[in-house]
């Protein structure tokens, strides 16, 4: 299978309830990053599996549609007409200086991980956030070692301000930022 996906902005026409029918979200996690009360980080063994069923895939399509309808941005990776990766930027600035936009979703189908699709989606989202006037991208990131390694490779660092709403949604996530300038 050719792994060179087309990366582009997604429109609502790209998002049907079956858009993620063949998307494989499966992720087996063995090691996670956790934040200590003193602010330091540690890696711990915590084994679990994330695997979306068809109901969850439909919910994610609805989340992407909602993002677009509210003025946000969605990047998509398409291979042979199928949506095989996506990332979304919400349309609400926050932070002391309103410098952040939040990346709420970033996923690549399991069989296509490791082919720079995530990097290309991330880059397109960064450009879109920068074009909208953001100075930083905020990411409430899955705590798995693999996900943390990806964001570290992108240049993300621990967030200097914490979005309490994002933290409340996923209290075990690691709060990161990426400086866009």
C-alpha atoms as a PDB file:
ATOM      1  CA  UNK A   1       0.000   0.000   0.000  1.00  0.00           C
ATOM      2  CA  UNK A   2       1.280   3.414  -0.928  1.00  0.00           C
ATOM      3  CA  UNK A   3       1.739   5.514   2.221  1.00  0.00           C
ATOM      4  CA  UNK A   4       1.853   8.994   0.636  1.00  0.00           C
ATOM      5  CA  UNK A   5      -1.401  10.544   1.801  1.00  0.00           C
ATOM      6  CA  UNK A   6      -2.826  13.821   0.512  1.00  0.00           C
ATOM      7  CA  UNK A   7      -2.880  16.328   3.391  1.00  0.00           C
ATOM      8  CA  UNK A   8      -5.364  19.192   3.083  1.00  0.00           C
ATOM      9  CA  UNK A   9      -8.029  21.222   4.837  1.00  0.00           C
ATOM     10  CA  UNK A  10     -11.219  19.255   5.422  1.00  0.00           C
ATOM     11  CA  UNK A  11     -14.620  20.641   4.477  1.00  0.00           C
ATOM     12  CA  UNK A  12     -17.970  19.548   5.847  1.00  0.00           C
ATOM     13  CA  UNK A  13     -18.542  17.721   2.535  1.00  0.00           C
ATOM     14  CA  UNK A  14     -15.677  15.377   3.500  1.00  0.00           C
ATOM     15  CA  UNK A  15     -17.401  14.374   6.738  1.00  0.00           C
ATOM     16  CA  UNK A  16     -20.129  11.768   6.413  1.00  0.00           C
ATOM     17  CA  UNK A  17     -21.112   9.438   9.251  1.00  0.00           C
ATOM     18  CA  UNK A  18     -19.188   6.645   7.511  1.00  0.00           C
ATOM     19  CA  UNK A  19     -16.054   8.741   6.896  1.00  0.00           C
ATOM     20  CA  UNK A  20     -14.109   6.839   9.564  1.00  0.00           C
ATOM     21  CA  UNK A  21     -15.596   3.413   8.819  1.00  0.00           C
ATOM     22  CA  UNK A  22     -12.183   1.904   7.999  1.00  0.00           C
ATOM     23  CA  UNK A  23     -10.186   4.093  10.415  1.00  0.00           C
ATOM     24  CA  UNK A  24      -8.210   1.983  12.915  1.00  0.00           C
ATOM     25  CA  UNK A  25      -7.738   3.957  16.162  1.00  0.00           C
ATOM     26  CA  UNK A  26      -6.280   0.942  17.984  1.00  0.00           C
ATOM     27  CA  UNK A  27      -3.475   1.871  20.380  1.00  0.00           C
ATOM     28  CA  UNK A  28      -1.979  -0.432  22.954  1.00  0.00           C
ATOM     29  CA  UNK A  29      -0.443   1.594  25.772  1.00  0.00           C
ATOM     30  CA  UNK A  30       2.041   0.148  28.226  1.00  0.00           C
ATOM     31  CA  UNK A  31       3.888   3.209  29.541  1.00  0.00           C
ATOM     32  CA  UNK A  32       2.430   6.633  30.313  1.00  0.00           C
ATOM     33  CA  UNK A  33       3.799   9.997  31.337  1.00  0.00           C
ATOM     34  CA  UNK A  34       2.400  11.445  34.569  1.00  0.00           C
ATOM     35  CA  UNK A  35       2.868  14.810  36.216  1.00  0.00           C
ATOM     36  CA  UNK A  36       3.985  14.768  39.845  1.00  0.00           C
ATOM     37  CA  UNK A  37       2.568  17.271  42.356  1.00  0.00           C
ATOM     38  CA  UNK A  38       5.917  19.130  42.268  1.00  0.00           C
ATOM     39  CA  UNK A  39       5.526  19.691  38.492  1.00  0.00           C
ATOM     40  CA  UNK A  40       8.116  17.117  37.420  1.00  0.00           C
ATOM     41  CA  UNK A  41       7.226  14.248  35.105  1.00  0.00           C
ATOM     42  CA  UNK A  42       7.711  10.509  35.424  1.00  0.00           C
ATOM     43  CA  UNK A  43       7.006   7.524  33.160  1.00  0.00           C
ATOM     44  CA  UNK A  44       4.972   4.710  34.723  1.00  0.00           C
ATOM     45  CA  UNK A  45       3.619   1.337  33.653  1.00  0.00           C
ATOM     46  CA  UNK A  46      -0.114   1.639  32.929  1.00  0.00           C
ATOM     47  CA  UNK A  47      -1.423  -0.869  30.419  1.00  0.00           C
ATOM     48  CA  UNK A  48      -4.636  -0.239  28.507  1.00  0.00           C
ATOM     49  CA  UNK A  49      -6.064  -0.306  24.977  1.00  0.00           C
ATOM     50  CA  UNK A  50      -7.823   2.460  23.067  1.00  0.00           C
ATOM     51  CA  UNK A  51      -9.950   1.117  20.237  1.00  0.00           C
ATOM     52  CA  UNK A  52     -12.863   2.986  18.688  1.00  0.00           C
ATOM     53  CA  UNK A  53     -16.048   1.157  17.799  1.00  0.00           C
ATOM     54  CA  UNK A  54     -18.395   2.395  15.065  1.00  0.00           C
ATOM     55  CA  UNK A  55     -20.392   4.495  17.556  1.00  0.00           C
ATOM     56  CA  UNK A  56     -17.258   6.330  18.714  1.00  0.00           C
ATOM     57  CA  UNK A  57     -16.152   6.888  15.100  1.00  0.00           C
ATOM     58  CA  UNK A  58     -19.512   8.524  14.334  1.00  0.00           C
ATOM     59  CA  UNK A  59     -19.138  10.711  17.448  1.00  0.00           C
ATOM     60  CA  UNK A  60     -15.685  11.815  16.262  1.00  0.00           C
ATOM     61  CA  UNK A  61     -17.077  12.731  12.826  1.00  0.00           C
ATOM     62  CA  UNK A  62     -19.727  14.798  14.633  1.00  0.00           C
ATOM     63  CA  UNK A  63     -16.993  16.486  16.730  1.00  0.00           C
ATOM     64  CA  UNK A  64     -15.087  17.379  13.543  1.00  0.00           C
ATOM     65  CA  UNK A  65     -18.258  18.780  11.944  1.00  0.00           C
ATOM     66  CA  UNK A  66     -18.984  20.837  15.065  1.00  0.00           C
ATOM     67  CA  UNK A  67     -15.432  22.195  14.969  1.00  0.00           C
ATOM     68  CA  UNK A  68     -15.875  23.337  11.372  1.00  0.00           C
ATOM     69  CA  UNK A  69     -19.347  24.806  11.983  1.00  0.00           C
ATOM     70  CA  UNK A  70     -18.008  26.851  14.900  1.00  0.00           C
ATOM     71  CA  UNK A  71     -15.291  28.361  12.689  1.00  0.00           C
ATOM     72  CA  UNK A  72     -12.492  25.964  13.613  1.00  0.00           C
ATOM     73  CA  UNK A  73     -10.083  24.184  11.290  1.00  0.00           C
ATOM     74  CA  UNK A  74      -9.758  20.492  10.444  1.00  0.00           C
ATOM     75  CA  UNK A  75      -6.799  18.991   8.591  1.00  0.00           C
ATOM     76  CA  UNK A  76      -7.228  15.646   6.910  1.00  0.00           C
ATOM     77  CA  UNK A  77      -5.031  12.949   5.443  1.00  0.00           C
ATOM     78  CA  UNK A  78      -6.627  11.161   2.521  1.00  0.00           C
ATOM     79  CA  UNK A  79      -5.407   7.954   0.917  1.00  0.00           C
ATOM     80  CA  UNK A  80      -7.310   6.449  -1.996  1.00  0.00           C
ATOM     81  CA  UNK A  81     -10.284   8.637  -1.059  1.00  0.00           C
ATOM     82  CA  UNK A  82     -10.416   7.510   2.570  1.00  0.00           C
ATOM     83  CA  UNK A  83      -9.849   9.720   5.601  1.00  0.00           C
ATOM     84  CA  UNK A  84      -6.838   8.086   7.288  1.00  0.00           C
ATOM     85  CA  UNK A  85      -5.773  10.895   9.610  1.00  0.00           C
ATOM     86  CA  UNK A  86      -7.084  14.153  10.984  1.00  0.00           C
ATOM     87  CA  UNK A  87      -6.379  16.975  13.396  1.00  0.00           C
ATOM     88  CA  UNK A  88      -8.571  19.842  14.554  1.00  0.00           C
ATOM     89  CA  UNK A  89      -8.061  23.379  15.834  1.00  0.00           C
ATOM     90  CA  UNK A  90     -10.872  24.995  17.808  1.00  0.00           C
ATOM     91  CA  UNK A  91     -11.979  28.562  17.124  1.00  0.00           C
ATOM     92  CA  UNK A  92     -11.635  30.053  20.582  1.00  0.00           C
ATOM     93  CA  UNK A  93      -8.627  32.011  21.753  1.00  0.00           C
ATOM     94  CA  UNK A  94      -7.644  31.757  25.414  1.00  0.00           C
ATOM     95  CA  UNK A  95      -4.766  32.421  27.770  1.00  0.00           C
ATOM     96  CA  UNK A  96      -3.672  35.545  29.619  1.00  0.00           C
ATOM     97  CA  UNK A  97      -2.922  37.274  26.308  1.00  0.00           C
ATOM     98  CA  UNK A  98      -5.404  35.278  24.165  1.00  0.00           C
ATOM     99  CA  UNK A  99      -2.396  33.694  22.492  1.00  0.00           C
ATOM    100  CA  UNK A 100      -3.591  30.052  22.371  1.00  0.00           C
ATOM    101  CA  UNK A 101      -5.748  28.038  20.011  1.00  0.00           C
ATOM    102  CA  UNK A 102      -6.394  24.438  21.030  1.00  0.00           C
ATOM    103  CA  UNK A 103      -5.701  21.326  18.960  1.00  0.00           C
ATOM    104  CA  UNK A 104      -8.400  18.996  20.264  1.00  0.00           C
ATOM    105  CA  UNK A 105      -7.981  15.960  18.015  1.00  0.00           C
ATOM    106  CA  UNK A 106      -4.963  14.398  16.288  1.00  0.00           C
ATOM    107  CA  UNK A 107      -5.166  10.806  15.062  1.00  0.00           C
ATOM    108  CA  UNK A 108      -3.658   8.657  12.315  1.00  0.00           C
ATOM    109  CA  UNK A 109      -5.011   5.231  11.442  1.00  0.00           C
ATOM    110  CA  UNK A 110      -2.826   2.500  12.957  1.00  0.00           C
ATOM    111  CA  UNK A 111      -1.501   0.997   9.710  1.00  0.00           C
ATOM    112  CA  UNK A 112      -0.247   4.406   8.561  1.00  0.00           C
ATOM    113  CA  UNK A 113       1.583   5.552  11.685  1.00  0.00           C
ATOM    114  CA  UNK A 114       5.290   6.092  11.141  1.00  0.00           C
ATOM    115  CA  UNK A 115       4.928   7.560   7.631  1.00  0.00           C
ATOM    116  CA  UNK A 116       5.075  11.270   8.634  1.00  0.00           C
ATOM    117  CA  UNK A 117       1.320  11.749   8.235  1.00  0.00           C
ATOM    118  CA  UNK A 118       1.009  13.011  11.820  1.00  0.00           C
ATOM    119  CA  UNK A 119       3.887  15.430  11.279  1.00  0.00           C
ATOM    120  CA  UNK A 120       2.267  16.789   8.125  1.00  0.00           C
ATOM    121  CA  UNK A 121      -1.145  17.167   9.821  1.00  0.00           C
ATOM    122  CA  UNK A 122       0.535  18.940  12.737  1.00  0.00           C
ATOM    123  CA  UNK A 123       2.364  21.304  10.370  1.00  0.00           C
ATOM    124  CA  UNK A 124      -0.849  22.186   8.515  1.00  0.00           C
ATOM    125  CA  UNK A 125      -2.644  22.872  11.811  1.00  0.00           C
ATOM    126  CA  UNK A 126       0.228  25.053  13.001  1.00  0.00           C
ATOM    127  CA  UNK A 127       0.035  27.081   9.802  1.00  0.00           C
ATOM    128  CA  UNK A 128      -3.740  27.434  10.131  1.00  0.00           C
ATOM    129  CA  UNK A 129      -3.466  28.550  13.779  1.00  0.00           C
ATOM    130  CA  UNK A 130      -0.719  31.015  12.918  1.00  0.00           C
ATOM    131  CA  UNK A 131      -2.794  32.416  10.025  1.00  0.00           C
ATOM    132  CA  UNK A 132      -5.617  33.020  12.515  1.00  0.00           C
ATOM    133  CA  UNK A 133      -3.307  35.041  14.757  1.00  0.00           C
ATOM    134  CA  UNK A 134      -2.403  32.457  17.404  1.00  0.00           C
ATOM    135  CA  UNK A 135       1.016  32.631  19.017  1.00  0.00           C
ATOM    136  CA  UNK A 136       0.806  29.164  20.577  1.00  0.00           C
ATOM    137  CA  UNK A 137      -0.955  25.878  19.924  1.00  0.00           C
ATOM    138  CA  UNK A 138      -2.359  24.173  23.041  1.00  0.00           C
ATOM    139  CA  UNK A 139      -2.541  20.375  23.175  1.00  0.00           C
ATOM    140  CA  UNK A 140      -4.119  18.227  25.883  1.00  0.00           C
ATOM    141  CA  UNK A 141      -2.146  15.139  24.923  1.00  0.00           C
ATOM    142  CA  UNK A 142      -2.757  11.425  25.466  1.00  0.00           C
ATOM    143  CA  UNK A 143      -0.222  10.331  28.128  1.00  0.00           C
ATOM    144  CA  UNK A 144       1.170   7.287  26.246  1.00  0.00           C
ATOM    145  CA  UNK A 145       4.913   7.118  25.675  1.00  0.00           C
ATOM    146  CA  UNK A 146       4.375   6.980  21.900  1.00  0.00           C
ATOM    147  CA  UNK A 147       2.142  10.051  21.843  1.00  0.00           C
ATOM    148  CA  UNK A 148       4.451  11.995  24.155  1.00  0.00           C
ATOM    149  CA  UNK A 149       7.445  11.064  21.967  1.00  0.00           C
ATOM    150  CA  UNK A 150       5.599  12.343  18.881  1.00  0.00           C
ATOM    151  CA  UNK A 151       4.824  15.716  20.438  1.00  0.00           C
ATOM    152  CA  UNK A 152       8.353  16.060  21.836  1.00  0.00           C
ATOM    153  CA  UNK A 153       9.717  15.397  18.333  1.00  0.00           C
ATOM    154  CA  UNK A 154       7.408  18.161  17.033  1.00  0.00           C
ATOM    155  CA  UNK A 155       8.960  20.573  19.533  1.00  0.00           C
ATOM    156  CA  UNK A 156       6.098  20.739  22.033  1.00  0.00           C
ATOM    157  CA  UNK A 157       6.854  21.650  25.633  1.00  0.00           C
ATOM    158  CA  UNK A 158       4.819  21.626  28.870  1.00  0.00           C
ATOM    159  CA  UNK A 159       2.169  24.348  28.692  1.00  0.00           C
ATOM    160  CA  UNK A 160       3.096  27.543  30.512  1.00  0.00           C
ATOM    161  CA  UNK A 161      -0.623  28.156  31.186  1.00  0.00           C
ATOM    162  CA  UNK A 162      -3.114  25.391  31.915  1.00  0.00           C
ATOM    163  CA  UNK A 163      -6.501  25.403  30.214  1.00  0.00           C
ATOM    164  CA  UNK A 164      -8.660  24.151  33.099  1.00  0.00           C
ATOM    165  CA  UNK A 165     -11.470  23.164  30.722  1.00  0.00           C
ATOM    166  CA  UNK A 166      -9.129  20.899  28.720  1.00  0.00           C
ATOM    167  CA  UNK A 167      -7.657  19.444  31.903  1.00  0.00           C
ATOM    168  CA  UNK A 168     -11.145  18.696  33.263  1.00  0.00           C
ATOM    169  CA  UNK A 169     -12.072  16.838  30.027  1.00  0.00           C
ATOM    170  CA  UNK A 170      -9.035  14.544  30.305  1.00  0.00           C
ATOM    171  CA  UNK A 171      -7.395  14.858  33.746  1.00  0.00           C
ATOM    172  CA  UNK A 172      -4.644  12.336  32.941  1.00  0.00           C
ATOM    173  CA  UNK A 173      -3.609  14.060  29.715  1.00  0.00           C
ATOM    174  CA  UNK A 174      -0.351  15.991  29.550  1.00  0.00           C
ATOM    175  CA  UNK A 175      -0.904  19.700  28.840  1.00  0.00           C
ATOM    176  CA  UNK A 176       1.478  20.896  26.116  1.00  0.00           C
ATOM    177  CA  UNK A 177       2.064  23.907  23.939  1.00  0.00           C
ATOM    178  CA  UNK A 178       3.835  24.632  20.691  1.00  0.00           C
ATOM    179  CA  UNK A 179       5.179  28.113  20.033  1.00  0.00           C
ATOM    180  CA  UNK A 180       4.157  29.217  16.535  1.00  0.00           C
ATOM    181  CA  UNK A 181       6.395  32.251  15.915  1.00  0.00           C
END
